[in-house]
Amino acid sequence: MEEAEWPSQPVPEAIKELIARFYSLVDSSDPSCCEGLANTVFTQDGEFLVNKRSMKGAEQIAKWRTGGESVILRQHTIHKIYVCNEQGNDLLMTGTLTLGSDLGLTAESPYCARCVVDDPTSQSPRIEYWQGWLDTTPFYDLGILRNPARKNTGNILDTIGGR
């Protein structure tokens, strides 16, 4: 978060800390990080969307990593943060996501995310809406998010992506 370019418009310090906690938890390899995200970052009825995947409420958010056990490295690097309203609680971020698999493969892709915080005046704000967009192609091509596609070419097994 230190290298991120923050806007000239003031953003409440509690919101900056909340965003830092969000990224710390989503990048963590600690198995309890999903519970922490659901119970300390989002509102109880918060909404967490990544591309077409939607999770609403603490119960669904606490399970957001289900099926992604082969991903052992998650690292978000935020490049720039934009404020979308006067209160400083509607933010847009751009950055890069790096993912690594249990097979030692890594890939990165640019991403953009919108974050809406419930109460900009609170000392303990929570995220009520988070939507992220990214191109997952590099992660699928290398088989980080699923096994790579394979085909036989002239009796030679060719792994598409991650050659």
Foldseek 3Di string as FASTA:
>chain_A
DVQAAEDPQDADPLVVVLVVLLQCLVFDQDLQSQLCQLPQAADQQAWEAEVHDIAGGSVRSSCVCVLQVQWRGWHWDWHYKDADDNLNQWIKTKTKIWIAGPVGDIDMWIKMKIWGWDDRVDSRIHTRYMYMYIDCVLCQQQQSSHQFDWDADPNDIDGRHND
